[in-house]
Amino acid sequence: MERLPLCCGVPSEGARGSQEGRAVPGSCSPGSGHSVGPGAAGAGFPGTLTKQPPGLCGTAVLPAAPRWLRQHEYVEKLNMHGILSASAGQEQLLTELLVTHAKIPVLIGELVSVEVWKHKVFPVLCRLEDFRPRSTFPIYVVLHHEASIINLLETVFFHKEICESAEDSVLDLIDYCHRKLALLAARSTKAPAVTSAGLPAEPLASPSSMQELQKQAEVMEFEISLKALSVLRFITDQLDSLPLSALTRMLNTHNLPCLLVELVEHCPWSCWEAGKLKKFENGTWHVVPPEDQVKMTKLDGQVWLALLNLLLRPECQRKYRFDGFNKSQLLKLRAFLTDVLIDQLPNLVEMQRFLSYLAVTDPAPPKKDLILEQLSSGVMMPWKSSQVPISVTSLLPAKGHHDLVIESGVKLVPAGVWAFGS
């Protein structure tokens, strides 16, 4: 499959900034692909760029590894430009270019491919005893590629048109965020996570060993998970712009409200060490003075805002299953809704009122909606009684051989008969 380059003609400066009303991701640059030493081609780079249309970036067709590194350089430039634009409140140009050139699905696909590489290939490289590359920096660039993409997505997903341009690929992004948040909730809160401050002060371009690279991967994994939390919150802000099945994916398939409750309860970006409270903010762990211990951090705010979006909207309440387990998990939030917290985020008054109502009532079960994906032309699929979902089986005629036609144009017929997509 041919992929277009991600470069949209943006400058390559980098900076760190903040914009009032939302967090702006910090920049982190491992360097461009031009300084990569020998061994890059053998590192197994994911998502290789194959061909670029003439005139868009003016680059020639390169071998596999250099082409992938050139694409990584484009992502870095877009990331830096996004940070600068967000700090100045001028993201319109970047968002318009990403929407016009349909690059959001490309970025999401690249993000997932690097994640697969990191979980399937990187551990194998670490276990190989005879794998001793002269420089581990090319592998570090692949690991850092995921951080660069999620940084960029965090910057631009604040805008509604970006979420709309993602189309069906936003489902992959929701799945990705769920995996990251599940890892985040599973972290132990007894000790702070490994951070770049705890690593030896040696150049990242030449780590001493694969073990050192694994420590750096652990640092990035924690920070990437926090970025995924922000991206998920921005997605919940744009529920009206999501595909039809996205809300069901978040509420019922992944049960994100209960997962967010776990983050509120265990708070992996906060821990006690030697009698002092530490919180992770702006890329480092720092000791919180006693007078600021009840102050809400940006990460705390992202979790609460996502819960507000997923629980208080009428369409979410109609779809979510308020069974015994989910209800007991959600009622745990009442212990955290203190007056001090509500003063910092007044919208939580509605959450407090909703939980009080939920405690004394049993909401009606959600309606069983049937969503069928229309088959592409020329594709045939046999419906067998053992393979048809329960919700579909209940709609099939009990006797006879009458076809059941759904609004989408897909026919459901008895077992053994072929159903053709329109």
Protein backbone atom coordinates (compact mmCIF):
# COMPACT_ATOMS: atom_id res chain seq x y z
CA MET A 1 0.00 0.00 0.00
CA GLU A 2 1.37 3.38 -0.94
CA ARG A 3 1.42 6.11 1.66
CA LEU A 4 1.62 9.80 1.10
CA PRO A 5 4.25 11.78 3.00
CA LEU A 6 3.07 13.49 6.12
CA CYS A 7 4.92 16.72 5.43
CA CYS A 8 2.65 19.71 4.77
CA GLY A 9 5.31 22.36 4.34
CA VAL A 10 5.65 23.43 7.97
CA PRO A 11 8.72 24.87 9.73
CA SER A 12 10.88 22.63 11.89
CA GLU A 13 11.36 24.79 14.96
CA GLY A 14 10.48 23.32 18.38
CA ALA A 15 9.27 24.91 21.54
CA ARG A 16 7.14 24.26 24.58
CA GLY A 17 4.10 26.37 25.27
CA SER A 18 0.73 26.45 26.92
CA GLN A 19 -2.62 27.82 25.92
CA GLU A 20 -5.24 29.04 28.34
CA GLY A 21 -8.08 26.57 28.74
CA ARG A 22 -6.27 23.38 27.74
CA ALA A 23 -2.91 21.70 28.06
CA VAL A 24 -0.45 21.90 25.22
CA PRO A 25 1.84 18.86 24.91
CA GLY A 26 5.52 19.34 25.50
CA SER A 27 7.96 18.77 22.71
CA CYS A 28 10.66 16.16 22.73
CA SER A 29 12.98 15.65 19.82
CA PRO A 30 15.42 12.77 19.49
CA GLY A 31 16.91 14.33 16.36
CA SER A 32 16.22 13.86 12.72
CA GLY A 33 16.86 10.72 10.74
CA HIS A 34 19.95 12.15 9.04
CA SER A 35 22.19 11.47 12.04
CA VAL A 36 21.30 7.78 12.33
CA GLY A 37 24.33 5.52 12.37
CA PRO A 38 24.81 2.09 10.80
CA GLY A 39 22.36 -0.67 11.49
CA ALA A 40 19.19 1.29 10.80
CA ALA A 41 18.08 -0.93 7.96
CA GLY A 42 18.24 -4.02 10.18
CA ALA A 43 16.10 -2.61 12.97
CA GLY A 44 12.81 -3.57 11.34
CA PHE A 45 11.13 -0.21 10.91
CA PRO A 46 7.32 -0.28 10.79
CA GLY A 47 5.08 1.55 8.37
CA THR A 48 7.62 2.18 5.62
CA LEU A 49 6.88 5.04 3.27
CA THR A 50 6.97 3.81 -0.30
CA LYS A 51 6.37 6.62 -2.77
CA GLN A 52 5.75 10.36 -2.72
CA PRO A 53 3.84 12.27 -5.35
CA PRO A 54 6.05 14.74 -7.27
CA GLY A 55 5.97 18.33 -6.15
CA LEU A 56 4.56 17.77 -2.65
CA CYS A 57 7.82 17.49 -0.77
CA GLY A 58 10.41 17.20 -3.54
CA THR A 59 11.99 14.00 -2.21
CA ALA A 60 13.18 11.10 -4.30
CA VAL A 61 12.27 7.46 -3.69
CA LEU A 62 14.65 6.19 -1.01
CA PRO A 63 15.47 2.76 0.42
CA ALA A 64 13.14 1.40 3.10
CA ALA A 65 14.80 2.60 6.31
CA PRO A 66 15.73 6.12 5.05
CA ARG A 67 12.20 6.55 3.70
CA TRP A 68 10.74 5.67 7.09
CA LEU A 69 13.17 8.05 8.80
CA ARG A 70 12.15 10.80 6.41
CA GLN A 71 8.53 10.20 7.36
CA HIS A 72 9.51 10.35 11.03
CA GLU A 73 11.17 13.68 10.34
CA TYR A 74 7.94 14.97 8.80
CA VAL A 75 6.00 13.89 11.88
CA GLU A 76 8.53 15.65 14.11
CA LYS A 77 8.17 18.87 12.13
CA LEU A 78 4.40 18.68 12.30
CA ASN A 79 4.60 18.02 16.03
CA MET A 80 6.87 21.02 16.63
CA HIS A 81 4.74 23.24 14.44
CA GLY A 82 1.62 22.11 16.30
CA ILE A 83 3.16 23.02 19.65
CA LEU A 84 4.18 26.46 18.43
CA SER A 85 0.77 27.06 16.84
CA ALA A 86 -1.12 25.95 19.94
CA SER A 87 0.97 28.17 22.20
CA ALA A 88 0.12 31.13 19.95
CA GLY A 89 -3.52 30.09 19.48
CA GLN A 90 -3.07 29.76 15.71
CA GLU A 91 -3.67 26.09 14.89
CA GLN A 92 -6.03 26.85 11.98
CA LEU A 93 -3.39 26.39 9.28
CA LEU A 94 -2.17 23.05 10.62
CA THR A 95 -5.65 21.65 11.18
CA GLU A 96 -6.80 22.74 7.72
CA LEU A 97 -3.82 21.07 6.06
CA LEU A 98 -4.31 17.82 7.98
CA VAL A 99 -8.02 17.77 7.10
CA THR A 100 -7.53 18.76 3.45
CA HIS A 101 -4.86 16.13 2.81
CA ALA A 102 -6.72 13.46 4.88
CA LYS A 103 -3.69 12.81 7.10
CA ILE A 104 -5.48 12.01 10.38
CA PRO A 105 -6.31 8.41 9.35
CA VAL A 106 -2.70 8.05 8.15
CA LEU A 107 -1.38 9.23 11.51
CA ILE A 108 -3.69 6.89 13.42
CA GLY A 109 -2.65 3.96 11.26
CA GLU A 110 1.01 4.80 11.82
CA LEU A 111 0.41 5.06 15.56
CA VAL A 112 -1.12 1.60 15.73
CA SER A 113 1.59 0.06 13.54
CA VAL A 114 4.36 1.41 15.78
CA GLU A 115 2.50 0.13 18.84
CA VAL A 116 2.36 -3.34 17.28
CA TRP A 117 6.07 -3.15 16.45
CA LYS A 118 6.88 -2.13 20.01
CA HIS A 119 4.96 -5.04 21.53
CA LYS A 120 5.82 -7.72 18.98
CA VAL A 121 9.31 -6.92 17.65
CA PHE A 122 11.07 -4.84 20.31
CA PRO A 123 10.82 -7.52 23.06
CA VAL A 124 12.31 -10.07 20.66
CA LEU A 125 15.25 -7.75 19.92
CA CYS A 126 15.82 -7.32 23.65
CA ARG A 127 15.94 -11.09 24.20
CA LEU A 128 18.40 -11.81 21.42
CA GLU A 129 21.82 -12.50 22.93
CA ASP A 130 23.70 -12.07 19.65
CA PHE A 131 22.00 -8.76 18.78
CA ARG A 132 24.61 -6.11 19.58
CA PRO A 133 24.11 -3.13 17.27
CA ARG A 134 26.82 -0.51 17.14
CA SER A 135 24.14 2.09 17.89
CA THR A 136 20.71 1.57 19.45
CA PHE A 137 19.60 5.04 18.41
CA PRO A 138 17.68 3.81 15.31
CA ILE A 139 15.56 1.60 17.59
CA TYR A 140 15.05 4.52 19.94
CA VAL A 141 13.76 6.59 17.01
CA VAL A 142 11.09 3.96 16.33
CA LEU A 143 10.03 4.00 19.98
CA HIS A 144 9.98 7.78 19.98
CA HIS A 145 7.87 7.83 16.81
CA GLU A 146 4.83 6.76 18.82
CA ALA A 147 5.37 9.59 21.29
CA SER A 148 5.65 12.12 18.46
CA ILE A 149 2.39 11.02 16.84
CA ILE A 150 0.38 10.98 20.07
CA ASN A 151 1.82 14.43 20.89
CA LEU A 152 0.57 15.73 17.55
CA LEU A 153 -2.84 14.12 17.94
CA GLU A 154 -3.21 15.61 21.42
CA THR A 155 -2.57 19.05 19.97
CA VAL A 156 -5.01 18.86 17.06
CA PHE A 157 -7.86 16.70 18.41
CA PHE A 158 -9.07 19.69 20.38
CA HIS A 159 -10.77 20.80 17.13
CA LYS A 160 -14.05 19.33 15.92
CA GLU A 161 -13.05 19.17 12.24
CA ILE A 162 -10.07 16.96 13.10
CA CYS A 163 -12.30 14.47 14.88
CA GLU A 164 -14.69 14.45 11.93
CA SER A 165 -11.87 13.92 9.42
CA ALA A 166 -10.72 10.80 11.31
CA GLU A 167 -13.91 9.05 10.13
CA ASP A 168 -13.96 5.34 10.96
CA SER A 169 -10.29 5.32 11.99
CA VAL A 170 -11.34 7.06 15.21
CA LEU A 171 -12.51 3.60 16.35
CA ASP A 172 -8.91 2.40 16.13
CA LEU A 173 -7.84 5.45 18.11
CA ILE A 174 -10.46 4.71 20.79
CA ASP A 175 -9.17 1.13 21.03
CA TYR A 176 -5.61 2.45 21.28
CA CYS A 177 -6.51 4.88 24.08
CA HIS A 178 -8.32 2.13 25.94
CA ARG A 179 -5.24 -0.10 25.84
CA LYS A 180 -3.05 2.71 27.14
CA LEU A 181 -5.45 3.62 29.94
CA ALA A 182 -5.77 -0.02 30.96
CA LEU A 183 -1.97 -0.18 31.30
CA LEU A 184 -2.04 3.08 33.22
CA ALA A 185 -4.68 1.81 35.64
CA ALA A 186 -2.69 -1.37 36.23
CA ARG A 187 0.44 0.50 37.31
CA SER A 188 1.44 0.28 40.95
CA THR A 189 0.98 3.53 42.83
CA LYS A 190 3.34 2.59 45.66
CA ALA A 191 6.40 4.05 43.91
CA PRO A 192 6.79 6.65 41.18
CA ALA A 193 7.33 5.49 37.63
CA VAL A 194 10.74 5.62 36.07
CA THR A 195 11.32 9.03 34.53
CA SER A 196 14.01 10.61 32.45
CA ALA A 197 15.29 12.31 35.61
CA GLY A 198 16.25 8.91 37.03
CA LEU A 199 18.17 7.75 33.99
CA PRO A 200 21.93 8.12 33.67
CA ALA A 201 23.05 11.39 32.13
CA GLU A 202 24.40 10.06 28.85
CA PRO A 203 23.48 10.99 25.29
CA LEU A 204 20.31 9.39 23.99
CA ALA A 205 21.98 8.94 20.64
CA SER A 206 24.19 6.17 22.02
CA PRO A 207 22.62 4.29 24.94
CA SER A 208 25.03 1.86 26.55
CA SER A 209 22.89 -1.25 26.11
CA MET A 210 19.50 -2.64 25.21
CA GLN A 211 18.66 -2.61 28.92
CA GLU A 212 19.10 1.14 28.93
CA LEU A 213 16.80 1.35 25.93
CA GLN A 214 14.18 -0.67 27.77
CA LYS A 215 14.24 1.86 30.62
CA GLN A 216 13.73 4.68 28.17
CA ALA A 217 10.85 2.75 26.58
CA GLU A 218 9.26 2.44 30.03
CA VAL A 219 9.53 6.20 30.52
CA MET A 220 7.92 6.90 27.18
CA GLU A 221 5.17 4.31 27.75
CA PHE A 222 4.03 6.11 30.90
CA GLU A 223 4.07 9.52 29.26
CA ILE A 224 2.35 8.22 26.11
CA SER A 225 -0.44 6.80 28.28
CA LEU A 226 -0.99 10.23 29.80
CA LYS A 227 -1.16 11.74 26.32
CA ALA A 228 -3.71 9.09 25.34
CA LEU A 229 -5.84 10.20 28.29
CA SER A 230 -5.96 13.75 26.91
CA VAL A 231 -6.78 12.50 23.40
CA LEU A 232 -9.63 10.39 24.75
CA ARG A 233 -11.04 13.36 26.63
CA PHE A 234 -11.01 15.45 23.43
CA ILE A 235 -12.81 12.63 21.62
CA THR A 236 -15.54 12.61 24.27
CA ASP A 237 -15.97 16.35 23.71
CA GLN A 238 -17.01 15.62 20.10
CA LEU A 239 -19.48 12.76 20.55
CA ASP A 240 -21.84 14.25 17.98
CA SER A 241 -19.12 14.07 15.31
CA LEU A 242 -18.20 10.42 15.89
CA PRO A 243 -19.32 7.42 13.82
CA LEU A 244 -22.47 5.65 14.92
CA SER A 245 -20.69 2.78 16.65
CA ALA A 246 -18.07 4.89 18.47
CA LEU A 247 -20.28 5.64 21.46
CA THR A 248 -21.19 1.97 21.85
CA ARG A 249 -17.49 1.10 21.61
CA MET A 250 -16.61 3.48 24.46
CA LEU A 251 -19.53 2.73 26.76
CA ASN A 252 -20.25 -0.97 26.35
CA THR A 253 -17.35 -2.63 24.55
CA HIS A 254 -14.59 -1.01 26.61
CA ASN A 255 -16.67 0.27 29.56
CA LEU A 256 -14.59 3.45 29.73
CA PRO A 257 -16.59 5.01 32.61
CA CYS A 258 -15.48 2.23 34.97
CA LEU A 259 -11.92 2.45 33.68
CA LEU A 260 -11.90 6.19 34.37
CA VAL A 261 -13.21 5.50 37.87
CA GLU A 262 -10.15 3.29 38.42
CA LEU A 263 -7.91 6.19 37.40
CA VAL A 264 -9.68 8.51 39.83
CA GLU A 265 -9.40 5.96 42.63
CA HIS A 266 -5.75 4.95 42.16
CA CYS A 267 -4.38 8.07 40.43
CA PRO A 268 -1.18 6.62 38.87
CA TRP A 269 0.30 10.12 38.39
CA SER A 270 0.32 10.67 42.15
CA CYS A 271 2.09 8.73 44.92
CA TRP A 272 3.44 9.03 48.45
CA GLU A 273 7.16 8.58 49.00
CA ALA A 274 8.95 9.03 52.33
CA GLY A 275 5.90 10.77 53.76
CA LYS A 276 5.73 13.29 50.92
CA LEU A 277 3.17 13.53 48.15
CA LYS A 278 4.58 13.45 44.64
CA LYS A 279 2.71 14.21 41.45
CA PHE A 280 3.71 13.80 37.83
CA GLU A 281 3.33 16.99 35.86
CA ASN A 282 5.12 18.53 32.88
CA GLY A 283 7.22 15.41 32.36
CA THR A 284 8.67 15.06 35.89
CA TRP A 285 7.74 13.96 39.39
CA HIS A 286 7.80 16.77 41.90
CA VAL A 287 7.01 17.10 45.60
CA VAL A 288 3.72 18.84 46.27
CA PRO A 289 3.70 21.30 49.21
CA PRO A 290 1.00 20.66 51.84
CA GLU A 291 -1.05 23.70 50.82
CA ASP A 292 -1.33 22.42 47.22
CA GLN A 293 -2.11 18.78 47.92
CA VAL A 294 -5.85 19.24 47.31
CA LYS A 295 -5.29 21.21 44.12
CA MET A 296 -6.59 19.54 40.96
CA THR A 297 -3.95 18.81 38.35
CA LYS A 298 -4.49 18.92 34.59
CA LEU A 299 -4.57 15.13 34.45
CA ASP A 300 -7.21 14.99 37.18
CA GLY A 301 -9.26 17.48 35.20
CA GLN A 302 -9.03 15.40 32.03
CA VAL A 303 -10.46 12.35 33.81
CA TRP A 304 -13.34 14.26 35.38
CA LEU A 305 -14.23 16.01 32.12
CA ALA A 306 -14.27 12.69 30.27
CA LEU A 307 -16.57 11.24 32.94
CA LEU A 308 -18.88 14.22 32.62
CA ASN A 309 -19.10 13.73 28.87
CA LEU A 310 -19.72 9.97 29.08
CA LEU A 311 -22.22 9.93 31.93
CA LEU A 312 -24.31 13.09 31.83
CA ARG A 313 -25.23 13.28 28.15
CA PRO A 314 -28.73 11.89 27.46
CA GLU A 315 -27.59 9.71 24.56
CA CYS A 316 -24.90 8.16 26.79
CA GLN A 317 -27.36 7.43 29.58
CA ARG A 318 -29.65 5.68 27.10
CA LYS A 319 -26.86 3.41 25.83
CA TYR A 320 -24.88 2.65 29.01
CA ARG A 321 -25.66 -0.45 31.06
CA PHE A 322 -26.20 0.63 34.66
CA ASP A 323 -26.07 -2.89 36.03
CA GLY A 324 -25.04 -3.81 39.56
CA PHE A 325 -21.29 -3.78 38.93
CA ASN A 326 -21.21 -0.58 36.89
CA LYS A 327 -23.46 1.17 39.36
CA SER A 328 -21.30 0.20 42.35
CA GLN A 329 -18.15 1.38 40.53
CA LEU A 330 -19.63 4.73 39.59
CA LEU A 331 -20.88 5.37 43.13
CA LYS A 332 -17.26 5.27 44.30
CA LEU A 333 -16.90 8.73 42.79
CA ARG A 334 -19.04 10.27 45.53
CA ALA A 335 -16.18 9.93 48.01
CA PHE A 336 -13.97 12.10 45.79
CA LEU A 337 -16.53 14.85 45.09
CA THR A 338 -15.53 17.12 47.95
CA ASP A 339 -16.44 20.77 48.26
CA VAL A 340 -12.83 21.74 47.50
CA LEU A 341 -12.86 19.73 44.27
CA ILE A 342 -16.23 21.12 43.18
CA ASP A 343 -15.00 24.67 43.79
CA GLN A 344 -12.21 24.03 41.28
CA LEU A 345 -14.51 22.43 38.68
CA PRO A 346 -18.09 23.65 39.26
CA ASN A 347 -19.49 21.34 36.55
CA LEU A 348 -19.01 18.48 38.99
CA VAL A 349 -22.16 19.65 40.82
CA GLU A 350 -24.15 17.97 38.05
CA MET A 351 -22.10 14.81 38.52
CA GLN A 352 -22.80 14.85 42.26
CA ARG A 353 -26.51 15.27 41.62
CA PHE A 354 -26.53 12.45 39.07
CA LEU A 355 -24.75 10.04 41.44
CA SER A 356 -27.20 10.85 44.23
CA TYR A 357 -30.06 10.02 41.89
CA LEU A 358 -28.32 6.86 40.70
CA ALA A 359 -27.87 5.64 44.29
CA VAL A 360 -31.63 5.50 44.94
CA THR A 361 -32.92 4.43 41.53
CA ASP A 362 -32.41 1.67 39.00
CA PRO A 363 -32.13 3.19 35.52
CA ALA A 364 -33.94 1.45 32.71
CA PRO A 365 -31.84 -1.04 30.74
CA PRO A 366 -30.48 0.31 27.47
CA LYS A 367 -32.29 -0.32 24.23
CA LYS A 368 -30.81 -3.11 22.15
CA ASP A 369 -29.87 -1.34 18.98
CA LEU A 370 -28.87 -3.41 15.96
CA ILE A 371 -25.99 -1.98 13.91
CA LEU A 372 -25.07 -3.87 10.75
CA GLU A 373 -22.05 -3.00 8.69
CA GLN A 374 -22.95 -2.97 5.01
CA LEU A 375 -20.90 -5.37 2.92
CA SER A 376 -18.96 -4.09 -0.04
CA SER A 377 -20.07 -4.99 -3.55
CA GLY A 378 -19.36 -8.55 -4.61
CA VAL A 379 -18.68 -9.90 -1.09
CA MET A 380 -20.66 -12.93 0.02
CA MET A 381 -21.13 -14.07 3.62
CA PRO A 382 -22.91 -17.26 4.78
CA TRP A 383 -25.15 -16.81 7.81
CA LYS A 384 -24.99 -19.87 10.02
CA SER A 385 -26.93 -20.27 13.24
CA SER A 386 -23.72 -20.83 15.21
CA GLN A 387 -22.08 -17.68 13.89
CA VAL A 388 -24.93 -15.16 13.90
CA PRO A 389 -24.86 -12.85 16.96
CA ILE A 390 -27.63 -13.26 19.53
CA SER A 391 -29.15 -9.87 18.68
CA VAL A 392 -29.35 -10.93 15.03
CA THR A 393 -30.60 -14.45 15.76
CA SER A 394 -33.58 -13.04 17.60
CA LEU A 395 -34.64 -11.23 14.43
CA LEU A 396 -34.47 -14.27 12.16
CA PRO A 397 -37.83 -15.89 11.37
CA ALA A 398 -38.50 -18.95 13.53
CA LYS A 399 -40.02 -20.95 10.70
CA GLY A 400 -40.10 -20.77 6.96
CA HIS A 401 -37.64 -19.20 4.57
CA HIS A 402 -38.69 -15.56 4.53
CA ASP A 403 -36.00 -12.94 4.14
CA LEU A 404 -35.70 -10.17 6.71
CA VAL A 405 -34.61 -6.86 5.20
CA ILE A 406 -32.96 -4.27 7.44
CA GLU A 407 -32.86 -0.53 6.70
CA SER A 408 -29.20 -0.72 5.75
CA GLY A 409 -30.05 -2.88 2.76
CA VAL A 410 -28.42 -6.07 4.08
CA LYS A 411 -30.50 -9.23 3.98
CA LEU A 412 -30.63 -11.67 6.86
CA VAL A 413 -31.67 -15.09 5.61
CA PRO A 414 -31.87 -18.55 7.17
CA ALA A 415 -28.71 -20.63 7.62
CA GLY A 416 -27.19 -22.12 4.52
CA VAL A 417 -28.35 -19.31 2.20
CA TRP A 418 -25.88 -16.68 0.95
CA ALA A 419 -26.43 -13.02 1.82
CA PHE A 420 -25.08 -10.51 -0.68
CA GLY A 421 -23.94 -7.01 0.26
CA SER A 422 -25.39 -4.15 -1.72
